[in-house]
Amino acid sequence: MGVIYLLIGVSIVIAIIFLSFFLWASKNGQFDDDYTPSVRILFDDETNLENNLKNK
């Protein structure tokens, strides 16, 4: 039964560590830009097409 209490304690400590890292990253602006990654793939094809045409 003592092992269960130990595992619960360790899991709570790990959860608090992950929560603190998430809050730190949010505070520092890690998750501010959520639009650009979704449309970045649309712009990569245009630049690659232009480079391919210049090389021919």
PDB file of N, CA and C in Angstrom:
ATOM      1  N   MET A   1       0.826  -1.201   0.000  1.00  0.00           N
ATOM      2  CA  MET A   1       0.000   0.000   0.000  1.00  0.00           C
ATOM      3  C   MET A   1       0.864   1.257   0.000  1.00  0.00           C
ATOM      4  N   GLY A   2       2.046   1.155   0.578  1.00  0.00           N
ATOM      5  CA  GLY A   2       2.951   2.300   0.625  1.00  0.00           C
ATOM      6  C   GLY A   2       3.450   2.709  -0.752  1.00  0.00           C
ATOM      7  N   VAL A   3       3.557   1.714  -1.662  1.00  0.00           N
ATOM      8  CA  VAL A   3       4.025   2.007  -3.020  1.00  0.00           C
ATOM      9  C   VAL A   3       3.014   2.883  -3.758  1.00  0.00           C
ATOM     10  N   ILE A   4       1.734   2.662  -3.514  1.00  0.00           N
ATOM     11  CA  ILE A   4       0.697   3.459  -4.171  1.00  0.00           C
ATOM     12  C   ILE A   4       0.815   4.918  -3.747  1.00  0.00           C
ATOM     13  N   TYR A   5       1.043   5.162  -2.457  1.00  0.00           N
ATOM     14  CA  TYR A   5       1.207   6.533  -1.977  1.00  0.00           C
ATOM     15  C   TYR A   5       2.442   7.183  -2.572  1.00  0.00           C
ATOM     16  N   LEU A   6       3.498   6.417  -2.714  1.00  0.00           N
ATOM     17  CA  LEU A   6       4.714   6.928  -3.335  1.00  0.00           C
ATOM     18  C   LEU A   6       4.471   7.290  -4.793  1.00  0.00           C
ATOM     19  N   LEU A   7       3.798   6.417  -5.534  1.00  0.00           N
ATOM     20  CA  LEU A   7       3.525   6.692  -6.955  1.00  0.00           C
ATOM     21  C   LEU A   7       2.607   7.896  -7.121  1.00  0.00           C
ATOM     22  N   ILE A   8       1.621   8.041  -6.259  1.00  0.00           N
ATOM     23  CA  ILE A   8       0.729   9.205  -6.331  1.00  0.00           C
ATOM     24  C   ILE A   8       1.513  10.480  -6.061  1.00  0.00           C
ATOM     25  N   GLY A   9       2.375  10.448  -5.063  1.00  0.00           N
ATOM     26  CA  GLY A   9       3.192  11.622  -4.750  1.00  0.00           C
ATOM     27  C   GLY A   9       4.127  12.006  -5.879  1.00  0.00           C
ATOM     28  N   VAL A  10       4.781  11.005  -6.460  1.00  0.00           N
ATOM     29  CA  VAL A  10       5.704  11.270  -7.573  1.00  0.00           C
ATOM     30  C   VAL A  10       4.943  11.795  -8.778  1.00  0.00           C
ATOM     31  N   SER A  11       3.786  11.246  -9.072  1.00  0.00           N
ATOM     32  CA  SER A  11       3.023  11.706 -10.237  1.00  0.00           C
ATOM     33  C   SER A  11       2.515  13.134 -10.036  1.00  0.00           C
ATOM     34  N   ILE A  12       2.156  13.494  -8.816  1.00  0.00           N
ATOM     35  CA  ILE A  12       1.729  14.871  -8.557  1.00  0.00           C
ATOM     36  C   ILE A  12       2.895  15.841  -8.722  1.00  0.00           C
ATOM     37  N   VAL A  13       4.071  15.451  -8.269  1.00  0.00           N
ATOM     38  CA  VAL A  13       5.254  16.300  -8.432  1.00  0.00           C
ATOM     39  C   VAL A  13       5.580  16.482  -9.910  1.00  0.00           C
ATOM     40  N   ILE A  14       5.528  15.410 -10.686  1.00  0.00           N
ATOM     41  CA  ILE A  14       5.807  15.507 -12.129  1.00  0.00           C
ATOM     42  C   ILE A  14       4.749  16.360 -12.825  1.00  0.00           C
ATOM     43  N   ALA A  15       3.498  16.233 -12.429  1.00  0.00           N
ATOM     44  CA  ALA A  15       2.439  17.049 -13.024  1.00  0.00           C
ATOM     45  C   ALA A  15       2.655  18.526 -12.708  1.00  0.00           C
ATOM     46  N   ILE A  16       3.088  18.843 -11.512  1.00  0.00           N
ATOM     47  CA  ILE A  16       3.354  20.235 -11.150  1.00  0.00           C
ATOM     48  C   ILE A  16       4.533  20.783 -11.951  1.00  0.00           C
ATOM     49  N   ILE A  17       5.542  19.963 -12.187  1.00  0.00           N
ATOM     50  CA  ILE A  17       6.693  20.397 -12.996  1.00  0.00           C
ATOM     51  C   ILE A  17       6.253  20.692 -14.422  1.00  0.00           C
ATOM     52  N   PHE A  18       5.470  19.799 -15.024  1.00  0.00           N
ATOM     53  CA  PHE A  18       4.993  20.034 -16.393  1.00  0.00           C
ATOM     54  C   PHE A  18       4.090  21.261 -16.465  1.00  0.00           C
ATOM     55  N   LEU A  19       3.250  21.456 -15.466  1.00  0.00           N
ATOM     56  CA  LEU A  19       2.388  22.635 -15.436  1.00  0.00           C
ATOM     57  C   LEU A  19       3.200  23.911 -15.323  1.00  0.00           C
ATOM     58  N   SER A  20       4.238  23.893 -14.513  1.00  0.00           N
ATOM     59  CA  SER A  20       5.070  25.090 -14.380  1.00  0.00           C
ATOM     60  C   SER A  20       5.815  25.393 -15.676  1.00  0.00           C
ATOM     61  N   PHE A  21       6.309  24.366 -16.376  1.00  0.00           N
ATOM     62  CA  PHE A  21       6.959  24.598 -17.669  1.00  0.00           C
ATOM     63  C   PHE A  21       5.969  25.147 -18.699  1.00  0.00           C
ATOM     64  N   PHE A  22       4.752  24.648 -18.700  1.00  0.00           N
ATOM     65  CA  PHE A  22       3.742  25.143 -19.629  1.00  0.00           C
ATOM     66  C   PHE A  22       3.398  26.601 -19.332  1.00  0.00           C
ATOM     67  N   LEU A  23       3.220  26.933 -18.067  1.00  0.00           N
ATOM     68  CA  LEU A  23       2.909  28.323 -17.716  1.00  0.00           C
ATOM     69  C   LEU A  23       4.077  29.244 -18.030  1.00  0.00           C
ATOM     70  N   TRP A  24       5.303  28.772 -17.824  1.00  0.00           N
ATOM     71  CA  TRP A  24       6.477  29.567 -18.161  1.00  0.00           C
ATOM     72  C   TRP A  24       6.550  29.828 -19.669  1.00  0.00           C
ATOM     73  N   ALA A  25       6.286  28.804 -20.481  1.00  0.00           N
ATOM     74  CA  ALA A  25       6.323  28.958 -21.934  1.00  0.00           C
ATOM     75  C   ALA A  25       5.205  29.876 -22.409  1.00  0.00           C
ATOM     76  N   SER A  26       4.043  29.788 -21.797  1.00  0.00           N
ATOM     77  CA  SER A  26       2.942  30.670 -22.173  1.00  0.00           C
ATOM     78  C   SER A  26       3.250  32.113 -21.815  1.00  0.00           C
ATOM     79  N   LYS A  27       3.865  32.315 -20.689  1.00  0.00           N
ATOM     80  CA  LYS A  27       4.205  33.672 -20.241  1.00  0.00           C
ATOM     81  C   LYS A  27       5.255  34.302 -21.143  1.00  0.00           C
ATOM     82  N   ASN A  28       6.175  33.507 -21.669  1.00  0.00           N
ATOM     83  CA  ASN A  28       7.243  34.021 -22.516  1.00  0.00           C
ATOM     84  C   ASN A  28       6.855  34.124 -23.989  1.00  0.00           C
ATOM     85  N   GLY A  29       5.598  33.837 -24.330  1.00  0.00           N
ATOM     86  CA  GLY A  29       5.140  34.030 -25.695  1.00  0.00           C
ATOM     87  C   GLY A  29       5.394  32.875 -26.630  1.00  0.00           C
ATOM     88  N   GLN A  30       5.596  31.701 -26.123  1.00  0.00           N
ATOM     89  CA  GLN A  30       5.868  30.536 -26.973  1.00  0.00           C
ATOM     90  C   GLN A  30       4.675  30.189 -27.864  1.00  0.00           C
ATOM     91  N   PHE A  31       3.473  30.448 -27.399  1.00  0.00           N
ATOM     92  CA  PHE A  31       2.274  30.036 -28.121  1.00  0.00           C
ATOM     93  C   PHE A  31       1.502  31.224 -28.694  1.00  0.00           C
ATOM     94  N   ASP A  32       2.171  32.338 -28.951  1.00  0.00           N
ATOM     95  CA  ASP A  32       1.478  33.530 -29.429  1.00  0.00           C
ATOM     96  C   ASP A  32       1.021  33.410 -30.880  1.00  0.00           C
ATOM     97  N   ASP A  33       1.860  32.876 -31.746  1.00  0.00           N
ATOM     98  CA  ASP A  33       1.543  32.829 -33.171  1.00  0.00           C
ATOM     99  C   ASP A  33       0.966  31.474 -33.529  1.00  0.00           C
ATOM    100  N   ASP A  34      -0.354  31.407 -33.624  1.00  0.00           N
ATOM    101  CA  ASP A  34      -0.979  30.138 -33.990  1.00  0.00           C
ATOM    102  C   ASP A  34      -1.522  30.155 -35.414  1.00  0.00           C
ATOM    103  N   TYR A  35      -1.353  31.248 -36.135  1.00  0.00           N
ATOM    104  CA  TYR A  35      -1.868  31.331 -37.500  1.00  0.00           C
ATOM    105  C   TYR A  35      -0.792  30.986 -38.532  1.00  0.00           C
ATOM    106  N   THR A  36       0.402  31.490 -38.362  1.00  0.00           N
ATOM    107  CA  THR A  36       1.452  31.325 -39.363  1.00  0.00           C
ATOM    108  C   THR A  36       1.794  29.860 -39.653  1.00  0.00           C
ATOM    109  N   PRO A  37       1.941  28.987 -38.667  1.00  0.00           N
ATOM    110  CA  PRO A  37       2.271  27.594 -39.007  1.00  0.00           C
ATOM    111  C   PRO A  37       1.217  26.895 -39.864  1.00  0.00           C
ATOM    112  N   SER A  38      -0.035  27.318 -39.736  1.00  0.00           N
ATOM    113  CA  SER A  38      -1.074  26.649 -40.514  1.00  0.00           C
ATOM    114  C   SER A  38      -1.050  27.052 -41.984  1.00  0.00           C
ATOM    115  N   VAL A  39      -0.510  28.217 -42.313  1.00  0.00           N
ATOM    116  CA  VAL A  39      -0.471  28.647 -43.712  1.00  0.00           C
ATOM    117  C   VAL A  39       0.936  28.640 -44.284  1.00  0.00           C
ATOM    118  N   ARG A  40       1.923  28.249 -43.491  1.00  0.00           N
ATOM    119  CA  ARG A  40       3.310  28.256 -43.965  1.00  0.00           C
ATOM    120  C   ARG A  40       3.500  27.308 -45.146  1.00  0.00           C
ATOM    121  N   ILE A  41       2.815  26.187 -45.143  1.00  0.00           N
ATOM    122  CA  ILE A  41       2.977  25.220 -46.232  1.00  0.00           C
ATOM    123  C   ILE A  41       2.455  25.786 -47.552  1.00  0.00           C
ATOM    124  N   LEU A  42       1.509  26.694 -47.496  1.00  0.00           N
ATOM    125  CA  LEU A  42       0.971  27.286 -48.720  1.00  0.00           C
ATOM    126  C   LEU A  42       1.994  28.177 -49.406  1.00  0.00           C
ATOM    127  N   PHE A  43       2.866  28.810 -48.643  1.00  0.00           N
ATOM    128  CA  PHE A  43       3.846  29.728 -49.215  1.00  0.00           C
ATOM    129  C   PHE A  43       5.124  29.025 -49.636  1.00  0.00           C
ATOM    130  N   ASP A  44       5.425  27.856 -49.101  1.00  0.00           N
ATOM    131  CA  ASP A  44       6.638  27.137 -49.479  1.00  0.00           C
ATOM    132  C   ASP A  44       6.594  26.694 -50.931  1.00  0.00           C
ATOM    133  N   ASP A  45       5.440  26.293 -51.430  1.00  0.00           N
ATOM    134  CA  ASP A  45       5.344  25.831 -52.810  1.00  0.00           C
ATOM    135  C   ASP A  45       5.643  26.943 -53.800  1.00  0.00           C
ATOM    136  N   GLU A  46       5.227  28.161 -53.506  1.00  0.00           N
ATOM    137  CA  GLU A  46       5.470  29.268 -54.423  1.00  0.00           C
ATOM    138  C   GLU A  46       6.956  29.575 -54.529  1.00  0.00           C
ATOM    139  N   THR A  47       7.672  29.593 -53.422  1.00  0.00           N
ATOM    140  CA  THR A  47       9.099  29.894 -53.486  1.00  0.00           C
ATOM    141  C   THR A  47       9.867  28.765 -54.165  1.00  0.00           C
ATOM    142  N   ASN A  48       9.485  27.527 -53.938  1.00  0.00           N
ATOM    143  CA  ASN A  48      10.154  26.415 -54.600  1.00  0.00           C
ATOM    144  C   ASN A  48       9.878  26.432 -56.097  1.00  0.00           C
ATOM    145  N   LEU A  49       8.689  26.804 -56.517  1.00  0.00           N
ATOM    146  CA  LEU A  49       8.359  26.879 -57.927  1.00  0.00           C
ATOM    147  C   LEU A  49       9.179  27.968 -58.604  1.00  0.00           C
ATOM    148  N   GLU A  50       9.326  29.118 -57.946  1.00  0.00           N
ATOM    149  CA  GLU A  50      10.139  30.196 -58.510  1.00  0.00           C
ATOM    150  C   GLU A  50      11.598  29.788 -58.643  1.00  0.00           C
ATOM    151  N   ASN A  51      12.136  29.103 -57.660  1.00  0.00           N
ATOM    152  CA  ASN A  51      13.528  28.653 -57.720  1.00  0.00           C
ATOM    153  C   ASN A  51      13.728  27.624 -58.821  1.00  0.00           C
ATOM    154  N   ASN A  52      12.774  26.745 -59.012  1.00  0.00           N
ATOM    155  CA  ASN A  52      12.880  25.742 -60.064  1.00  0.00           C
ATOM    156  C   ASN A  52      12.833  26.370 -61.451  1.00  0.00           C
ATOM    157  N   LEU A  53      12.004  27.410 -61.616  1.00  0.00           N
ATOM    158  CA  LEU A  53      11.940  28.081 -62.903  1.00  0.00           C
ATOM    159  C   LEU A  53      13.213  28.851 -63.213  1.00  0.00           C
ATOM    160  N   LYS A  54      13.849  29.407 -62.208  1.00  0.00           N
ATOM    161  CA  LYS A  54      15.099  30.140 -62.427  1.00  0.00           C
ATOM    162  C   LYS A  54      16.231  29.201 -62.811  1.00  0.00           C
ATOM    163  N   ASN A  55      16.205  27.982 -62.297  1.00  0.00           N
ATOM    164  CA  ASN A  55      17.281  27.035 -62.578  1.00  0.00           C
ATOM    165  C   ASN A  55      17.184  26.409 -63.955  1.00  0.00           C
ATOM    166  N   LYS A  56      16.056  26.490 -64.611  1.00  0.00           N
ATOM    167  CA  LYS A  56      15.903  25.860 -65.936  1.00  0.00           C
ATOM    168  C   LYS A  56      16.385  26.722 -67.036  1.00  0.00           C
TER     169      LYS A  56
END
